[in-house]
Amino acid sequence: PLLNWPVLKFIVKYAKEVNKEKNKNLSISLVSNLTLLDDKKLKFLLDEDVHLSCSFDGPEKVHNKNRIILNKEKNSYKIVAGKIKKIQKAIKLKRTKSKNKFVDNLNAVLTVSKFSLSYHKEIIDEYIKMGFDNIFIRPLSPFGLERQTLNIIGYRLEEFIDFYKKSMDYILKLNLEGKFFAERN
């Protein structure tokens, strides 16, 4: 969505303007890989109370395998991890200054690929390290994927279910140890 910033900005403003008349409980969310997010865009999104969610696939080796940036010199994980920290800091600052009772957290979405399957514990640990208290474990969606791509990153349903079970077992273990962590699916 950040590829066409003028349109995104227009949609947010327009939706809020229409909602003045309709008086609905409007919630606007943005899901992004964050690579095009800069300070000016972040300020606008936070000022407009847009809920932010990012694609984050865990530790550096997994995230970089799943989230390839065409410029091979750039490290997708390092870019996203830096943006996550910046957003979390900005949200914390907004909470201290806001009269609004609720300021949303940054959320992250894990899209499980074949390369993720062996790293359930490491992925969850990375989420905790990055300051998240939850994870949304999402399977691949074959819509729009070419057969060739699906053959490279895809898996059998049983493999995803096994990954999910192992992840939930680990999450339950963490909770039993007194560390709150949730799976949002």
N, C-alpha and C. Protein backbone atom coordinates (compact mmCIF):
# COMPACT_ATOMS: atom_id res chain seq x y z
N PRO A 1 0.80 -1.22 0.00
CA PRO A 1 0.00 0.00 0.00
C PRO A 1 0.84 1.28 0.00
N LEU A 2 2.08 1.19 0.46
CA LEU A 2 2.92 2.39 0.50
C LEU A 2 3.51 2.74 -0.86
N LEU A 3 3.34 1.87 -1.85
CA LEU A 3 3.83 2.15 -3.19
C LEU A 3 3.11 3.35 -3.82
N ASN A 4 1.85 3.53 -3.47
CA ASN A 4 1.09 4.65 -4.02
C ASN A 4 0.59 5.53 -2.86
N TRP A 5 1.53 6.23 -2.27
CA TRP A 5 1.25 7.02 -1.08
C TRP A 5 0.13 8.06 -1.28
N PRO A 6 0.10 8.80 -2.38
CA PRO A 6 -0.97 9.79 -2.54
C PRO A 6 -2.37 9.15 -2.49
N VAL A 7 -2.52 7.99 -3.09
CA VAL A 7 -3.82 7.32 -3.08
C VAL A 7 -4.15 6.82 -1.68
N LEU A 8 -3.18 6.25 -1.00
CA LEU A 8 -3.41 5.77 0.36
C LEU A 8 -3.83 6.92 1.27
N LYS A 9 -3.12 8.01 1.18
CA LYS A 9 -3.43 9.19 2.00
C LYS A 9 -4.84 9.70 1.69
N PHE A 10 -5.19 9.75 0.39
CA PHE A 10 -6.52 10.18 -0.02
C PHE A 10 -7.60 9.27 0.57
N ILE A 11 -7.38 7.96 0.48
CA ILE A 11 -8.37 7.00 0.98
C ILE A 11 -8.61 7.18 2.47
N VAL A 12 -7.55 7.35 3.24
CA VAL A 12 -7.69 7.55 4.69
C VAL A 12 -8.51 8.80 4.97
N LYS A 13 -8.14 9.91 4.34
CA LYS A 13 -8.86 11.18 4.55
C LYS A 13 -10.31 11.07 4.08
N TYR A 14 -10.51 10.47 2.91
CA TYR A 14 -11.86 10.34 2.35
C TYR A 14 -12.74 9.47 3.25
N ALA A 15 -12.22 8.35 3.70
CA ALA A 15 -13.00 7.45 4.57
C ALA A 15 -13.41 8.17 5.85
N LYS A 16 -12.51 8.94 6.41
CA LYS A 16 -12.83 9.68 7.64
C LYS A 16 -13.87 10.77 7.37
N GLU A 17 -13.77 11.41 6.23
CA GLU A 17 -14.74 12.45 5.87
C GLU A 17 -16.13 11.85 5.68
N VAL A 18 -16.23 10.77 4.95
CA VAL A 18 -17.51 10.09 4.74
C VAL A 18 -18.07 9.61 6.08
N ASN A 19 -17.18 9.15 6.95
CA ASN A 19 -17.64 8.63 8.24
C ASN A 19 -18.22 9.71 9.14
N LYS A 20 -17.86 10.95 8.92
CA LYS A 20 -18.46 12.04 9.71
C LYS A 20 -19.97 12.05 9.52
N GLU A 21 -20.42 11.77 8.31
CA GLU A 21 -21.85 11.72 8.00
C GLU A 21 -22.47 10.39 8.41
N LYS A 22 -21.77 9.31 8.15
CA LYS A 22 -22.31 7.96 8.40
C LYS A 22 -22.24 7.57 9.87
N ASN A 23 -21.28 8.15 10.59
CA ASN A 23 -21.12 7.93 12.02
C ASN A 23 -21.02 6.44 12.39
N LYS A 24 -20.15 5.74 11.69
CA LYS A 24 -19.92 4.32 11.96
C LYS A 24 -18.66 4.18 12.82
N ASN A 25 -18.43 2.98 13.30
CA ASN A 25 -17.22 2.70 14.05
C ASN A 25 -16.13 2.35 13.05
N LEU A 26 -15.47 3.35 12.51
CA LEU A 26 -14.50 3.18 11.44
C LEU A 26 -13.13 2.80 11.99
N SER A 27 -12.57 1.76 11.41
CA SER A 27 -11.22 1.34 11.75
C SER A 27 -10.48 1.12 10.44
N ILE A 28 -9.33 1.76 10.31
CA ILE A 28 -8.52 1.62 9.10
C ILE A 28 -7.23 0.91 9.47
N SER A 29 -6.92 -0.13 8.71
CA SER A 29 -5.71 -0.91 8.95
C SER A 29 -4.83 -0.92 7.72
N LEU A 30 -3.54 -0.97 7.96
CA LEU A 30 -2.58 -1.04 6.87
C LEU A 30 -1.63 -2.19 7.16
N VAL A 31 -1.48 -3.08 6.20
CA VAL A 31 -0.52 -4.18 6.30
C VAL A 31 0.55 -3.93 5.26
N SER A 32 1.81 -3.96 5.69
CA SER A 32 2.90 -3.60 4.80
C SER A 32 4.16 -4.38 5.17
N ASN A 33 5.10 -4.44 4.23
CA ASN A 33 6.40 -4.99 4.57
C ASN A 33 7.30 -3.90 5.18
N LEU A 34 6.80 -2.68 5.25
CA LEU A 34 7.42 -1.51 5.89
C LEU A 34 8.64 -0.95 5.15
N THR A 35 9.06 -1.55 4.08
CA THR A 35 10.29 -1.10 3.44
C THR A 35 10.20 0.33 2.91
N LEU A 36 9.00 0.80 2.57
CA LEU A 36 8.85 2.16 2.05
C LEU A 36 8.35 3.16 3.10
N LEU A 37 8.28 2.73 4.35
CA LEU A 37 7.80 3.61 5.41
C LEU A 37 8.90 4.57 5.84
N ASP A 38 8.59 5.87 5.81
CA ASP A 38 9.54 6.87 6.31
C ASP A 38 8.88 7.63 7.45
N ASP A 39 9.60 8.56 8.05
CA ASP A 39 9.10 9.30 9.22
C ASP A 39 7.83 10.08 8.90
N LYS A 40 7.78 10.70 7.75
CA LYS A 40 6.61 11.50 7.36
C LYS A 40 5.36 10.62 7.22
N LYS A 41 5.52 9.48 6.58
CA LYS A 41 4.39 8.56 6.41
C LYS A 41 3.95 7.99 7.75
N LEU A 42 4.91 7.62 8.58
CA LEU A 42 4.58 7.09 9.90
C LEU A 42 3.81 8.11 10.73
N LYS A 43 4.25 9.34 10.71
CA LYS A 43 3.56 10.40 11.45
C LYS A 43 2.11 10.53 10.99
N PHE A 44 1.90 10.57 9.68
CA PHE A 44 0.54 10.67 9.14
C PHE A 44 -0.31 9.50 9.60
N LEU A 45 0.20 8.27 9.47
CA LEU A 45 -0.56 7.08 9.84
C LEU A 45 -0.91 7.07 11.33
N LEU A 46 0.03 7.44 12.17
CA LEU A 46 -0.25 7.48 13.61
C LEU A 46 -1.20 8.62 13.96
N ASP A 47 -1.02 9.79 13.33
CA ASP A 47 -1.93 10.92 13.57
C ASP A 47 -3.36 10.58 13.18
N GLU A 48 -3.50 9.76 12.15
CA GLU A 48 -4.83 9.38 11.65
C GLU A 48 -5.35 8.10 12.30
N ASP A 49 -4.64 7.60 13.30
CA ASP A 49 -5.04 6.38 14.03
C ASP A 49 -5.22 5.17 13.13
N VAL A 50 -4.36 5.05 12.13
CA VAL A 50 -4.38 3.87 11.26
C VAL A 50 -3.68 2.73 12.00
N HIS A 51 -4.33 1.59 12.06
CA HIS A 51 -3.76 0.42 12.72
C HIS A 51 -2.70 -0.17 11.80
N LEU A 52 -1.52 -0.40 12.33
CA LEU A 52 -0.41 -0.87 11.51
C LEU A 52 -0.09 -2.33 11.79
N SER A 53 0.14 -3.04 10.72
CA SER A 53 0.54 -4.43 10.81
C SER A 53 1.60 -4.68 9.74
N CYS A 54 2.58 -5.49 10.09
CA CYS A 54 3.67 -5.73 9.13
C CYS A 54 3.87 -7.22 8.90
N SER A 55 4.47 -7.50 7.78
CA SER A 55 4.90 -8.85 7.47
C SER A 55 6.23 -9.08 8.17
N PHE A 56 6.27 -10.07 9.03
CA PHE A 56 7.50 -10.36 9.74
C PHE A 56 7.59 -11.87 9.94
N ASP A 57 8.61 -12.48 9.35
CA ASP A 57 8.69 -13.93 9.33
C ASP A 57 9.72 -14.51 10.28
N GLY A 58 10.12 -13.72 11.28
CA GLY A 58 10.97 -14.28 12.32
C GLY A 58 12.44 -13.95 12.18
N PRO A 59 13.31 -14.89 12.56
CA PRO A 59 14.75 -14.64 12.58
C PRO A 59 15.27 -14.24 11.19
N GLU A 60 16.42 -13.60 11.21
CA GLU A 60 17.00 -13.05 9.98
C GLU A 60 17.08 -14.06 8.85
N LYS A 61 17.57 -15.27 9.12
CA LYS A 61 17.74 -16.24 8.03
C LYS A 61 16.39 -16.67 7.44
N VAL A 62 15.35 -16.75 8.25
CA VAL A 62 14.03 -17.14 7.75
C VAL A 62 13.37 -15.96 7.04
N HIS A 63 13.39 -14.80 7.69
CA HIS A 63 12.75 -13.62 7.09
C HIS A 63 13.39 -13.30 5.73
N ASN A 64 14.70 -13.30 5.66
CA ASN A 64 15.38 -12.98 4.40
C ASN A 64 15.11 -14.02 3.32
N LYS A 65 14.90 -15.25 3.70
CA LYS A 65 14.58 -16.30 2.71
C LYS A 65 13.15 -16.11 2.18
N ASN A 66 12.23 -15.71 3.08
CA ASN A 66 10.83 -15.53 2.69
C ASN A 66 10.55 -14.17 2.06
N ARG A 67 11.26 -13.15 2.48
CA ARG A 67 10.97 -11.76 2.07
C ARG A 67 12.18 -11.20 1.33
N ILE A 68 12.31 -11.59 0.11
CA ILE A 68 13.47 -11.21 -0.69
C ILE A 68 13.28 -9.80 -1.23
N ILE A 69 14.31 -8.99 -1.09
CA ILE A 69 14.34 -7.66 -1.71
C ILE A 69 15.16 -7.79 -2.98
N LEU A 70 14.66 -7.23 -4.06
CA LEU A 70 15.33 -7.39 -5.35
C LEU A 70 16.76 -6.88 -5.35
N ASN A 71 17.03 -5.83 -4.58
CA ASN A 71 18.39 -5.33 -4.46
C ASN A 71 19.14 -6.25 -3.50
N LYS A 72 19.95 -7.13 -4.04
CA LYS A 72 20.62 -8.17 -3.24
C LYS A 72 21.51 -7.60 -2.14
N GLU A 73 21.90 -6.32 -2.26
CA GLU A 73 22.76 -5.72 -1.25
C GLU A 73 22.00 -5.35 0.02
N LYS A 74 20.67 -5.35 -0.07
CA LYS A 74 19.87 -4.97 1.09
C LYS A 74 19.42 -6.21 1.86
N ASN A 75 19.31 -6.06 3.16
CA ASN A 75 18.91 -7.13 4.05
C ASN A 75 17.49 -6.83 4.53
N SER A 76 16.54 -7.59 4.03
CA SER A 76 15.12 -7.37 4.34
C SER A 76 14.87 -7.37 5.85
N TYR A 77 15.46 -8.33 6.55
CA TYR A 77 15.27 -8.43 7.99
C TYR A 77 15.72 -7.16 8.70
N LYS A 78 16.94 -6.70 8.37
CA LYS A 78 17.46 -5.51 9.06
C LYS A 78 16.61 -4.28 8.80
N ILE A 79 16.10 -4.15 7.60
CA ILE A 79 15.23 -3.01 7.27
C ILE A 79 13.95 -3.08 8.10
N VAL A 80 13.30 -4.24 8.08
CA VAL A 80 12.02 -4.39 8.78
C VAL A 80 12.21 -4.31 10.30
N ALA A 81 13.24 -4.94 10.83
CA ALA A 81 13.49 -4.89 12.27
C ALA A 81 13.71 -3.44 12.73
N GLY A 82 14.44 -2.67 11.95
CA GLY A 82 14.65 -1.26 12.28
C GLY A 82 13.35 -0.48 12.25
N LYS A 83 12.51 -0.75 11.27
CA LYS A 83 11.21 -0.05 11.17
C LYS A 83 10.29 -0.46 12.31
N ILE A 84 10.31 -1.73 12.69
CA ILE A 84 9.48 -2.20 13.80
C ILE A 84 9.85 -1.44 15.07
N LYS A 85 11.14 -1.34 15.36
CA LYS A 85 11.60 -0.63 16.56
C LYS A 85 11.19 0.84 16.50
N LYS A 86 11.33 1.46 15.34
CA LYS A 86 10.96 2.87 15.18
C LYS A 86 9.45 3.07 15.41
N ILE A 87 8.63 2.19 14.85
CA ILE A 87 7.18 2.30 15.02
C ILE A 87 6.80 2.09 16.48
N GLN A 88 7.37 1.07 17.11
CA GLN A 88 7.04 0.80 18.51
C GLN A 88 7.42 1.98 19.40
N LYS A 89 8.55 2.61 19.12
CA LYS A 89 8.98 3.79 19.87
C LYS A 89 7.99 4.94 19.65
N ALA A 90 7.57 5.16 18.41
CA ALA A 90 6.63 6.23 18.09
C ALA A 90 5.27 5.99 18.74
N ILE A 91 4.83 4.73 18.77
CA ILE A 91 3.55 4.39 19.41
C ILE A 91 3.64 4.64 20.91
N LYS A 92 4.75 4.25 21.52
CA LYS A 92 4.94 4.48 22.96
C LYS A 92 4.89 5.98 23.27
N LEU A 93 5.54 6.78 22.45
CA LEU A 93 5.53 8.23 22.62
C LEU A 93 4.12 8.78 22.45
N LYS A 94 3.41 8.27 21.47
CA LYS A 94 2.03 8.73 21.24
C LYS A 94 1.15 8.42 22.45
N ARG A 95 1.36 7.26 23.06
CA ARG A 95 0.57 6.89 24.24
C ARG A 95 0.77 7.89 25.38
N THR A 96 2.00 8.35 25.55
CA THR A 96 2.28 9.28 26.66
C THR A 96 1.67 10.65 26.39
N LYS A 97 1.50 11.01 25.12
CA LYS A 97 0.99 12.34 24.78
C LYS A 97 -0.51 12.36 24.46
N SER A 98 -1.10 11.19 24.22
CA SER A 98 -2.45 11.13 23.68
C SER A 98 -3.53 11.27 24.75
N LYS A 99 -4.59 11.95 24.38
CA LYS A 99 -5.78 12.02 25.23
C LYS A 99 -6.69 10.84 24.93
N ASN A 100 -6.43 10.21 23.80
CA ASN A 100 -7.17 9.02 23.39
C ASN A 100 -6.88 7.90 24.38
N LYS A 101 -7.91 7.21 24.84
CA LYS A 101 -7.73 6.15 25.83
C LYS A 101 -6.99 4.95 25.27
N PHE A 102 -7.11 4.75 23.96
CA PHE A 102 -6.51 3.56 23.36
C PHE A 102 -5.66 3.94 22.16
N VAL A 103 -4.41 3.58 22.20
CA VAL A 103 -3.51 3.73 21.06
C VAL A 103 -3.08 2.31 20.70
N ASP A 104 -3.36 1.92 19.47
CA ASP A 104 -3.13 0.55 19.03
C ASP A 104 -1.65 0.19 18.99
N ASN A 105 -1.36 -1.08 19.15
CA ASN A 105 -0.01 -1.62 19.01
C ASN A 105 0.29 -1.90 17.54
N LEU A 106 1.54 -2.01 17.22
CA LEU A 106 1.94 -2.56 15.94
C LEU A 106 1.75 -4.06 16.02
N ASN A 107 1.15 -4.63 15.00
CA ASN A 107 1.01 -6.08 14.94
C ASN A 107 1.86 -6.62 13.80
N ALA A 108 2.14 -7.90 13.86
CA ALA A 108 2.93 -8.54 12.82
C ALA A 108 2.24 -9.83 12.39
N VAL A 109 2.46 -10.18 11.14
CA VAL A 109 1.87 -11.38 10.56
C VAL A 109 2.99 -12.28 10.05
N LEU A 110 2.96 -13.52 10.48
CA LEU A 110 3.90 -14.53 10.00
C LEU A 110 3.20 -15.31 8.89
N THR A 111 3.76 -15.28 7.70
CA THR A 111 3.26 -16.14 6.63
C THR A 111 4.23 -17.31 6.54
N VAL A 112 3.71 -18.48 6.86
CA VAL A 112 4.54 -19.68 6.93
C VAL A 112 4.82 -20.20 5.52
N SER A 113 6.09 -20.33 5.20
CA SER A 113 6.50 -20.95 3.94
C SER A 113 7.21 -22.26 4.27
N LYS A 114 7.60 -22.96 3.25
CA LYS A 114 8.36 -24.20 3.44
C LYS A 114 9.61 -23.93 4.28
N PHE A 115 10.20 -22.74 4.11
CA PHE A 115 11.44 -22.40 4.82
C PHE A 115 11.22 -22.11 6.30
N SER A 116 9.97 -21.89 6.70
CA SER A 116 9.65 -21.58 8.10
C SER A 116 9.46 -22.84 8.94
N LEU A 117 9.13 -23.94 8.31
CA LEU A 117 8.63 -25.13 9.00
C LEU A 117 9.54 -25.66 10.10
N SER A 118 10.84 -25.50 10.00
CA SER A 118 11.77 -26.04 11.00
C SER A 118 12.09 -25.06 12.12
N TYR A 119 11.44 -23.89 12.13
CA TYR A 119 11.86 -22.82 13.04
C TYR A 119 10.74 -22.28 13.92
N HIS A 120 9.78 -23.10 14.32
CA HIS A 120 8.67 -22.59 15.11
C HIS A 120 9.13 -21.86 16.38
N LYS A 121 10.04 -22.47 17.11
CA LYS A 121 10.52 -21.89 18.37
C LYS A 121 11.31 -20.60 18.11
N GLU A 122 12.20 -20.64 17.14
CA GLU A 122 13.03 -19.47 16.82
C GLU A 122 12.19 -18.29 16.35
N ILE A 123 11.14 -18.58 15.59
CA ILE A 123 10.25 -17.52 15.11
C ILE A 123 9.54 -16.86 16.28
N ILE A 124 8.98 -17.65 17.16
CA ILE A 124 8.28 -17.10 18.33
C ILE A 124 9.25 -16.33 19.22
N ASP A 125 10.44 -16.88 19.44
CA ASP A 125 11.45 -16.18 20.24
C ASP A 125 11.81 -14.83 19.61
N GLU A 126 11.89 -14.79 18.29
CA GLU A 126 12.21 -13.54 17.60
C GLU A 126 11.10 -12.51 17.77
N TYR A 127 9.87 -12.95 17.73
CA TYR A 127 8.73 -12.05 17.97
C TYR A 127 8.83 -11.46 19.37
N ILE A 128 9.14 -12.30 20.34
CA ILE A 128 9.28 -11.82 21.73
C ILE A 128 10.44 -10.84 21.81
N LYS A 129 11.56 -11.18 21.20
CA LYS A 129 12.74 -10.30 21.20
C LYS A 129 12.41 -8.93 20.60
N MET A 130 11.53 -8.91 19.59
CA MET A 130 11.16 -7.66 18.93
C MET A 130 10.05 -6.91 19.68
N GLY A 131 9.63 -7.42 20.82
CA GLY A 131 8.66 -6.71 21.66
C GLY A 131 7.20 -7.06 21.41
N PHE A 132 6.93 -8.08 20.62
CA PHE A 132 5.55 -8.49 20.39
C PHE A 132 5.10 -9.43 21.49
N ASP A 133 3.82 -9.37 21.83
CA ASP A 133 3.27 -10.30 22.81
C ASP A 133 2.29 -11.26 22.16
N ASN A 134 2.30 -11.29 20.82
CA ASN A 134 1.43 -12.19 20.09
C ASN A 134 1.97 -12.43 18.69
N ILE A 135 1.37 -13.42 18.06
CA ILE A 135 1.76 -13.77 16.69
C ILE A 135 0.49 -14.21 15.95
N PHE A 136 0.43 -13.93 14.69
CA PHE A 136 -0.64 -14.41 13.83
C PHE A 136 0.01 -15.38 12.86
N ILE A 137 -0.22 -16.66 13.06
CA ILE A 137 0.40 -17.70 12.24
C ILE A 137 -0.53 -17.97 11.06
N ARG A 138 -0.08 -17.57 9.90
CA ARG A 138 -0.92 -17.62 8.70
C ARG A 138 -0.31 -18.58 7.69
N PRO A 139 -1.14 -19.50 7.16
CA PRO A 139 -0.63 -20.38 6.11
C PRO A 139 -0.51 -19.63 4.79
N LEU A 140 0.23 -20.21 3.87
CA LEU A 140 0.29 -19.63 2.53
C LEU A 140 -1.10 -19.64 1.92
N SER A 141 -1.37 -18.64 1.16
CA SER A 141 -2.62 -18.58 0.41
C SER A 141 -2.26 -18.79 -1.05
N PRO A 142 -2.76 -19.82 -1.67
CA PRO A 142 -2.35 -20.12 -3.04
C PRO A 142 -2.88 -19.13 -4.08
N PHE A 143 -3.77 -18.25 -3.69
CA PHE A 143 -4.35 -17.30 -4.63
C PHE A 143 -3.27 -16.38 -5.17
N GLY A 144 -3.17 -16.31 -6.47
CA GLY A 144 -2.20 -15.43 -7.10
C GLY A 144 -0.81 -16.04 -7.23
N LEU A 145 -0.55 -17.13 -6.54
CA LEU A 145 0.76 -17.77 -6.66
C LEU A 145 0.78 -18.63 -7.92
N GLU A 146 1.81 -18.48 -8.69
CA GLU A 146 1.98 -19.35 -9.84
C GLU A 146 2.36 -20.74 -9.35
N ARG A 147 2.01 -21.74 -10.12
CA ARG A 147 2.31 -23.13 -9.74
C ARG A 147 3.80 -23.30 -9.42
N GLN A 148 4.66 -22.66 -10.20
CA GLN A 148 6.11 -22.77 -10.00
C GLN A 148 6.50 -22.21 -8.63
N THR A 149 5.93 -21.06 -8.25
CA THR A 149 6.23 -20.46 -6.95
C THR A 149 5.73 -21.34 -5.81
N LEU A 150 4.53 -21.85 -5.97
CA LEU A 150 3.96 -22.72 -4.94
C LEU A 150 4.84 -23.96 -4.74
N ASN A 151 5.41 -24.48 -5.82
CA ASN A 151 6.29 -25.65 -5.70
C ASN A 151 7.56 -25.33 -4.93
N ILE A 152 8.02 -24.07 -4.97
CA ILE A 152 9.25 -23.68 -4.29
C ILE A 152 9.02 -23.40 -2.81
N ILE A 153 7.93 -22.70 -2.47
CA ILE A 153 7.72 -22.28 -1.08
C ILE A 153 6.59 -23.02 -0.38
N GLY A 154 5.84 -23.82 -1.12
CA GLY A 154 4.66 -24.48 -0.56
C GLY A 154 4.98 -25.71 0.27
N TYR A 155 3.92 -26.29 0.84
CA TYR A 155 4.04 -27.47 1.70
C TYR A 155 2.69 -28.17 1.71
N ARG A 156 2.70 -29.36 2.27
CA ARG A 156 1.45 -30.11 2.43
C ARG A 156 0.70 -29.57 3.66
N LEU A 157 -0.61 -29.69 3.65
CA LEU A 157 -1.43 -29.24 4.77
C LEU A 157 -0.97 -29.85 6.08
N GLU A 158 -0.59 -31.11 6.05
CA GLU A 158 -0.14 -31.80 7.26
C GLU A 158 1.12 -31.15 7.83
N GLU A 159 1.98 -30.65 6.96
CA GLU A 159 3.19 -29.98 7.42
C GLU A 159 2.86 -28.68 8.14
N PHE A 160 1.88 -27.92 7.60
CA PHE A 160 1.47 -26.69 8.28
C PHE A 160 0.85 -27.03 9.64
N ILE A 161 -0.02 -28.03 9.68
CA ILE A 161 -0.68 -28.40 10.93
C ILE A 161 0.37 -28.82 11.97
N ASP A 162 1.37 -29.56 11.56
CA ASP A 162 2.45 -29.95 12.48
C ASP A 162 3.18 -28.70 13.00
N PHE A 163 3.50 -27.77 12.11
CA PHE A 163 4.15 -26.52 12.50
C PHE A 163 3.28 -25.76 13.50
N TYR A 164 1.99 -25.68 13.21
CA TYR A 164 1.06 -24.94 14.07
C TYR A 164 0.98 -25.61 15.46
N LYS A 165 0.89 -26.92 15.49
CA LYS A 165 0.83 -27.63 16.77
C LYS A 165 2.10 -27.39 17.60
N LYS A 166 3.26 -27.50 16.95
CA LYS A 166 4.51 -27.25 17.66
C LYS A 166 4.57 -25.82 18.17
N SER A 167 4.11 -24.89 17.37
CA SER A 167 4.09 -23.48 17.78
C SER A 167 3.18 -23.29 18.98
N MET A 168 2.00 -23.88 18.93
CA MET A 168 1.06 -23.74 20.05
C MET A 168 1.59 -24.40 21.31
N ASP A 169 2.22 -25.56 21.18
CA ASP A 169 2.82 -26.21 22.34
C ASP A 169 3.86 -25.29 22.99
N TYR A 170 4.67 -24.64 22.16
CA TYR A 170 5.69 -23.74 22.68
C TYR A 170 5.06 -22.50 23.32
N ILE A 171 4.03 -21.96 22.70
CA ILE A 171 3.33 -20.80 23.25
C ILE A 171 2.69 -21.16 24.60
N LEU A 172 2.08 -22.32 24.68
CA LEU A 172 1.49 -22.75 25.96
C LEU A 172 2.57 -22.92 27.03
N LYS A 173 3.72 -23.48 26.64
CA LYS A 173 4.84 -23.63 27.58
C LYS A 173 5.27 -22.27 28.10
N LEU A 174 5.41 -21.29 27.21
CA LEU A 174 5.80 -19.94 27.64
C LEU A 174 4.78 -19.37 28.62
N ASN A 175 3.51 -19.54 28.33
CA ASN A 175 2.46 -19.02 29.20
C ASN A 175 2.47 -19.70 30.56
N LEU A 176 2.70 -21.00 30.57
CA LEU A 176 2.78 -21.73 31.84
C LEU A 176 3.98 -21.29 32.66
N GLU A 177 5.02 -20.78 31.98
CA GLU A 177 6.20 -20.25 32.67
C GLU A 177 5.98 -18.80 33.11
N GLY A 178 4.81 -18.24 32.83
CA GLY A 178 4.51 -16.88 33.27
C GLY A 178 4.77 -15.79 32.24
N LYS A 179 5.15 -16.15 31.02
CA LYS A 179 5.36 -15.16 29.96
C LYS A 179 4.12 -15.13 29.08
N PHE A 180 3.36 -14.02 29.12
CA PHE A 180 2.17 -13.95 28.29
C PHE A 180 2.56 -13.81 26.82
N PHE A 181 2.03 -14.70 26.00
CA PHE A 181 2.20 -14.65 24.56
C PHE A 181 1.00 -15.35 23.95
N ALA A 182 0.43 -14.75 22.91
CA ALA A 182 -0.80 -15.30 22.32
C ALA A 182 -0.64 -15.55 20.83
N GLU A 183 -1.45 -16.46 20.34
CA GLU A 183 -1.58 -16.67 18.89
C GLU A 183 -2.94 -16.08 18.51
N ARG A 184 -2.97 -15.16 17.53
CA ARG A 184 -4.17 -14.38 17.24
C ARG A 184 -5.12 -15.03 16.23
N ASN A 185 -4.79 -16.16 15.68
CA ASN A 185 -5.64 -16.71 14.62
C ASN A 185 -6.94 -17.24 15.20
